[in-house]
C-alpha atoms as a PDB file:
ATOM      1  CA  MET A   1      87.574  15.386   5.825  1.00  0.00           C
ATOM      2  CA  ALA A   2      84.658  17.710   6.186  1.00  0.00           C
ATOM      3  CA  ASN A   3      83.921  17.423   2.753  1.00  0.00           C
ATOM      4  CA  THR A   4      83.270  13.651   3.109  1.00  0.00           C
ATOM      5  CA  SER A   5      81.292  13.956   6.191  1.00  0.00           C
ATOM      6  CA  ASP A   6      79.380  16.573   4.390  1.00  0.00           C
ATOM      7  CA  LYS A   7      78.890  14.049   1.367  1.00  0.00           C
ATOM      8  CA  LYS A   8      77.889  11.152   3.802  1.00  0.00           C
ATOM      9  CA  HIS A   9      75.368  13.394   5.455  1.00  0.00           C
ATOM     10  CA  SER A  10      73.968  14.597   2.066  1.00  0.00           C
ATOM     11  CA  ALA A  11      73.751  11.181   0.888  1.00  0.00           C
ATOM     12  CA  SER A  12      72.047   9.818   3.996  1.00  0.00           C
ATOM     13  CA  SER A  13      69.501  12.647   3.956  1.00  0.00           C
ATOM     14  CA  LYS A  14      68.688  11.861   0.150  1.00  0.00           C
ATOM     15  CA  VAL A  15      68.159   8.283   1.443  1.00  0.00           C
ATOM     16  CA  ARG A  16      65.799   9.296   4.051  1.00  0.00           C
ATOM     17  CA  LYS A  17      63.887  11.668   1.955  1.00  0.00           C
ATOM     18  CA  GLN A  18      63.488   8.805  -0.717  1.00  0.00           C
ATOM     19  CA  LYS A  19      62.385   6.388   2.006  1.00  0.00           C
ATOM     20  CA  ALA A  20      60.061   8.877   3.506  1.00  0.00           C
ATOM     21  CA  THR A  21      58.548   9.658  -0.159  1.00  0.00           C
ATOM     22  CA  VAL A  22      58.321   5.977  -0.848  1.00  0.00           C
ATOM     23  CA  GLY A  23      56.620   5.574   2.676  1.00  0.00           C
ATOM     24  CA  ILE A  24      53.970   8.226   1.697  1.00  0.00           C
ATOM     25  CA  ILE A  25      53.477   6.846  -1.433  1.00  0.00           C
ATOM     26  CA  ALA A  26      52.946   3.128  -0.201  1.00  0.00           C
ATOM     27  CA  GLY A  27      50.544   4.836   2.556  1.00  0.00           C
ATOM     28  CA  SER A  28      48.741   6.770  -0.166  1.00  0.00           C
ATOM     29  CA  VAL A  29      48.094   3.579  -2.516  1.00  0.00           C
ATOM     30  CA  VAL A  30      47.032   1.615   0.622  1.00  0.00           C
ATOM     31  CA  PHE A  31      44.676   4.308   1.627  1.00  0.00           C
ATOM     32  CA  ARG A  32      43.257   4.360  -1.845  1.00  0.00           C
ATOM     33  CA  ILE A  33      42.696   0.457  -1.940  1.00  0.00           C
ATOM     34  CA  ILE A  34      40.908   0.616   1.267  1.00  0.00           C
ATOM     35  CA  VAL A  35      38.568   3.421   0.017  1.00  0.00           C
ATOM     36  CA  ILE A  36      38.183   1.500  -3.288  1.00  0.00           C
ATOM     37  CA  VAL A  37      37.163  -1.634  -1.512  1.00  0.00           C
ATOM     38  CA  PHE A  38      34.822   0.142   0.978  1.00  0.00           C
ATOM     39  CA  LEU A  39      33.111   1.838  -2.121  1.00  0.00           C
ATOM     40  CA  ILE A  40      32.557  -1.506  -3.796  1.00  0.00           C
ATOM     41  CA  ILE A  41      31.152  -2.913  -0.845  1.00  0.00           C
ATOM     42  CA  LEU A  42      28.781   0.189  -0.216  1.00  0.00           C
ATOM     43  CA  ILE A  43      27.653  -0.074  -3.966  1.00  0.00           C
ATOM     44  CA  SER A  44      27.169  -3.751  -3.970  1.00  0.00           C
ATOM     45  CA  PHE A  45      25.053  -3.459  -0.673  1.00  0.00           C
ATOM     46  CA  ALA A  46      23.050  -0.524  -2.260  1.00  0.00           C
ATOM     47  CA  VAL A  47      22.688  -2.449  -5.631  1.00  0.00           C
ATOM     48  CA  GLY A  48      21.213  -5.426  -3.746  1.00  0.00           C
ATOM     49  CA  LYS A  49      18.727  -3.341  -1.679  1.00  0.00           C
ATOM     50  CA  THR A  50      17.592  -1.704  -4.867  1.00  0.00           C
ATOM     51  CA  TYR A  51      17.093  -4.952  -6.750  1.00  0.00           C
ATOM     52  CA  ARG A  52      15.370  -6.566  -3.848  1.00  0.00           C
ATOM     53  CA  PHE A  53      12.741  -3.577  -3.606  1.00  0.00           C
ATOM     54  CA  GLY A  54      12.391  -3.531  -7.601  1.00  0.00           C
ATOM     55  CA  TYR A  55      11.789  -7.189  -7.436  1.00  0.00           C
ATOM     56  CA  ARG A  56       9.068  -7.107  -4.775  1.00  0.00           C
ATOM     57  CA  LEU A  57       7.406  -4.037  -6.281  1.00  0.00           C
ATOM     58  CA  PHE A  58       6.815  -5.997  -9.575  1.00  0.00           C
ATOM     59  CA  SER A  59       6.350  -9.565  -8.087  1.00  0.00           C
ATOM     60  CA  GLN A  60       2.799 -10.658  -7.326  1.00  0.00           C
ATOM     61  CA  GLU A  61       3.462 -12.663  -4.111  1.00  0.00           C
ATOM     62  CA  THR A  62       0.458 -13.367  -1.942  1.00  0.00           C
ATOM     63  CA  MET A  63       0.521 -14.023   1.555  1.00  0.00           C
ATOM     64  CA  GLU A  64      -1.032 -17.511   1.531  1.00  0.00           C
ATOM     65  CA  ALA A  65      -1.757 -20.104  -0.985  1.00  0.00           C
ATOM     66  CA  GLU A  66      -5.280 -20.781  -2.223  1.00  0.00           C
ATOM     67  CA  PRO A  67      -7.788 -20.790  -0.630  1.00  0.00           C
ATOM     68  CA  GLY A  68      -6.374 -18.118   1.764  1.00  0.00           C
ATOM     69  CA  THR A  69      -8.258 -16.179   4.491  1.00  0.00           C
ATOM     70  CA  ASP A  70     -11.119 -13.588   4.014  1.00  0.00           C
ATOM     71  CA  ILE A  71     -10.293 -10.405   5.880  1.00  0.00           C
ATOM     72  CA  LYS A  72     -12.693  -7.280   5.862  1.00  0.00           C
ATOM     73  CA  VAL A  73     -11.041  -3.941   5.817  1.00  0.00           C
ATOM     74  CA  LEU A  74     -12.764  -0.509   5.696  1.00  0.00           C
ATOM     75  CA  ILE A  75     -11.261   2.394   3.641  1.00  0.00           C
ATOM     76  CA  THR A  76     -12.704   5.882   4.522  1.00  0.00           C
ATOM     77  CA  GLU A  77     -12.297   9.015   2.580  1.00  0.00           C
ATOM     78  CA  GLN A  78      -9.777  10.372   4.879  1.00  0.00           C
ATOM     79  CA  MET A  79      -7.416   7.462   4.074  1.00  0.00           C
ATOM     80  CA  ASP A  80      -4.360   8.046   1.699  1.00  0.00           C
ATOM     81  CA  SER A  81      -2.438   5.144   0.073  1.00  0.00           C
ATOM     82  CA  ASP A  82       0.190   5.068   2.804  1.00  0.00           C
ATOM     83  CA  THR A  83      -2.640   4.633   5.552  1.00  0.00           C
ATOM     84  CA  VAL A  84      -4.178   2.090   3.443  1.00  0.00           C
ATOM     85  CA  ALA A  85      -1.035   0.141   2.958  1.00  0.00           C
ATOM     86  CA  LYS A  86      -0.164   0.161   6.745  1.00  0.00           C
ATOM     87  CA  LEU A  87      -3.839  -1.185   7.409  1.00  0.00           C
ATOM     88  CA  PHE A  88      -3.305  -4.107   5.033  1.00  0.00           C
ATOM     89  CA  GLU A  89       0.162  -4.905   6.484  1.00  0.00           C
ATOM     90  CA  GLN A  90      -1.610  -4.949  10.003  1.00  0.00           C
ATOM     91  CA  LYS A  91      -4.466  -6.987   8.628  1.00  0.00           C
ATOM     92  CA  GLY A  92      -1.898  -9.550   7.254  1.00  0.00           C
ATOM     93  CA  LEU A  93      -3.078  -8.880   3.574  1.00  0.00           C
ATOM     94  CA  VAL A  94       0.419  -7.550   2.636  1.00  0.00           C
ATOM     95  CA  SER A  95       3.813  -8.271   4.134  1.00  0.00           C
ATOM     96  CA  ASP A  96       5.483  -4.887   3.757  1.00  0.00           C
ATOM     97  CA  ALA A  97       3.458  -1.539   3.917  1.00  0.00           C
ATOM     98  CA  VAL A  98       6.053   0.469   1.962  1.00  0.00           C
ATOM     99  CA  ILE A  99       6.125  -2.022  -0.945  1.00  0.00           C
ATOM    100  CA  PHE A 100       2.354  -1.910  -1.184  1.00  0.00           C
ATOM    101  CA  GLY A 101       2.233   1.704  -0.867  1.00  0.00           C
ATOM    102  CA  ALA A 102       4.653   1.997  -3.708  1.00  0.00           C
ATOM    103  CA  GLN A 103       2.544  -0.447  -5.717  1.00  0.00           C
ATOM    104  CA  LEU A 104      -0.624   1.482  -5.080  1.00  0.00           C
ATOM    105  CA  LYS A 105       1.238   4.813  -6.324  1.00  0.00           C
ATOM    106  CA  PHE A 106       2.981   3.008  -9.152  1.00  0.00           C
ATOM    107  CA  PHE A 107       0.174   0.881 -10.479  1.00  0.00           C
ATOM    108  CA  THR A 108      -2.656   3.197 -10.081  1.00  0.00           C
ATOM    109  CA  GLY A 109      -1.271   6.516 -11.475  1.00  0.00           C
ATOM    110  CA  SER A 110      -3.032   9.809 -11.178  1.00  0.00           C
ATOM    111  CA  SER A 111      -6.218   8.912 -12.762  1.00  0.00           C
ATOM    112  CA  TYR A 112      -7.092   6.542  -9.973  1.00  0.00           C
ATOM    113  CA  ARG A 113      -8.517   7.031  -6.529  1.00  0.00           C
ATOM    114  CA  LEU A 114      -9.047   4.899  -3.585  1.00  0.00           C
ATOM    115  CA  THR A 115     -12.780   4.089  -3.138  1.00  0.00           C
ATOM    116  CA  PRO A 116     -14.075   4.345   0.296  1.00  0.00           C
ATOM    117  CA  GLY A 117     -16.053   1.421   1.504  1.00  0.00           C
ATOM    118  CA  GLU A 118     -15.900  -1.851   3.252  1.00  0.00           C
ATOM    119  CA  TYR A 119     -14.137  -4.666   1.228  1.00  0.00           C
ATOM    120  CA  THR A 120     -13.587  -8.388   1.893  1.00  0.00           C
ATOM    121  CA  LEU A 121     -10.153  -9.219   0.674  1.00  0.00           C
ATOM    122  CA  ASN A 122      -8.361 -12.653   0.741  1.00  0.00           C
ATOM    123  CA  THR A 123      -4.681 -13.295   1.811  1.00  0.00           C
ATOM    124  CA  SER A 124      -4.353 -15.385  -1.370  1.00  0.00           C
ATOM    125  CA  MET A 125      -5.147 -12.119  -3.618  1.00  0.00           C
ATOM    126  CA  PRO A 126      -2.032 -10.784  -5.467  1.00  0.00           C
ATOM    127  CA  PRO A 127      -1.413  -7.188  -4.794  1.00  0.00           C
ATOM    128  CA  ARG A 128      -2.592  -5.913  -8.105  1.00  0.00           C
ATOM    129  CA  GLU A 129      -6.035  -7.833  -7.637  1.00  0.00           C
ATOM    130  CA  MET A 130      -6.330  -5.902  -4.261  1.00  0.00           C
ATOM    131  CA  ILE A 131      -5.617  -2.660  -5.943  1.00  0.00           C
ATOM    132  CA  ASN A 132      -8.225  -3.391  -8.658  1.00  0.00           C
ATOM    133  CA  ALA A 133     -10.746  -3.953  -5.773  1.00  0.00           C
ATOM    134  CA  ILE A 134     -10.058  -0.830  -3.858  1.00  0.00           C
ATOM    135  CA  CYS A 135      -9.308   1.720  -6.706  1.00  0.00           C
ATOM    136  CA  SER A 136     -11.791   3.293  -8.985  1.00  0.00           C
ATOM    137  CA  GLU A 137     -11.130   5.356 -12.055  1.00  0.00           C
ATOM    138  CA  SER A 138     -11.667   9.062 -12.172  1.00  0.00           C
ATOM    139  CA  PRO A 139     -13.820   9.812 -15.305  1.00  0.00           C
ATOM    140  CA  ALA A 140     -11.341  11.893 -17.032  1.00  0.00           C
ATOM    141  CA  GLU A 141      -8.988   9.351 -18.020  1.00  0.00           C
ATOM    142  CA  SER A 142     -10.578   5.933 -18.901  1.00  0.00           C
ATOM    143  CA  THR A 143      -8.157   4.697 -21.586  1.00  0.00           C
ATOM    144  CA  GLU A 144      -5.261   4.157 -19.350  1.00  0.00           C
ATOM    145  CA  LYS A 145      -6.579   1.207 -17.277  1.00  0.00           C
ATOM    146  CA  GLU A 146      -5.440  -1.319 -19.937  1.00  0.00           C
ATOM    147  CA  TYR A 147      -2.118   0.493 -20.119  1.00  0.00           C
ATOM    148  CA  LEU A 148      -1.479   0.159 -16.430  1.00  0.00           C
ATOM    149  CA  GLY A 149      -2.322  -3.599 -16.428  1.00  0.00           C
ATOM    150  CA  LEU A 150      -5.180  -2.904 -13.889  1.00  0.00           C
ATOM    151  CA  TYR A 151      -7.357  -5.392 -15.641  1.00  0.00           C
ATOM    152  CA  ASP A 152      -6.811  -9.029 -15.374  1.00  0.00           C
ATOM    153  CA  GLU A 153      -6.062 -10.858 -18.681  1.00  0.00           C
ATOM    154  CA  ALA A 154      -9.470 -12.335 -18.619  1.00  0.00           C
ATOM    155  CA  ASP A 155     -11.216  -8.937 -18.909  1.00  0.00           C
END
């Protein structure tokens, strides 16, 4: 009789171990699915944000339609591109200082510098036109201007 009882106990022990193993595997699979879904959502969000940033970086959206509003700005020698971008955002010339700052850095490259002075810009001007107005070329590299697209097509 003891032998049958040991067999029943051994069989029930095996069943419990198998159920526990199945439970661990099922829990592990559910956890992996949750992690994968979370990563997919996170990647989708990051891709969407990156796309919107890139689109706005290369788009030439204006703040207002023609004729727009003339706005005077003063650029001093102490200002860098980020300061100018913030000033333009405050004055209503651009909608986002971060985007305009990136455009300034991207479209001008190392051969162009902000030119100090007082400028009359318009809210209907696209960002590249504003950049052309406030930046001058350093004498060393004059051939890059066409490559960077800083001239209008009419030039």
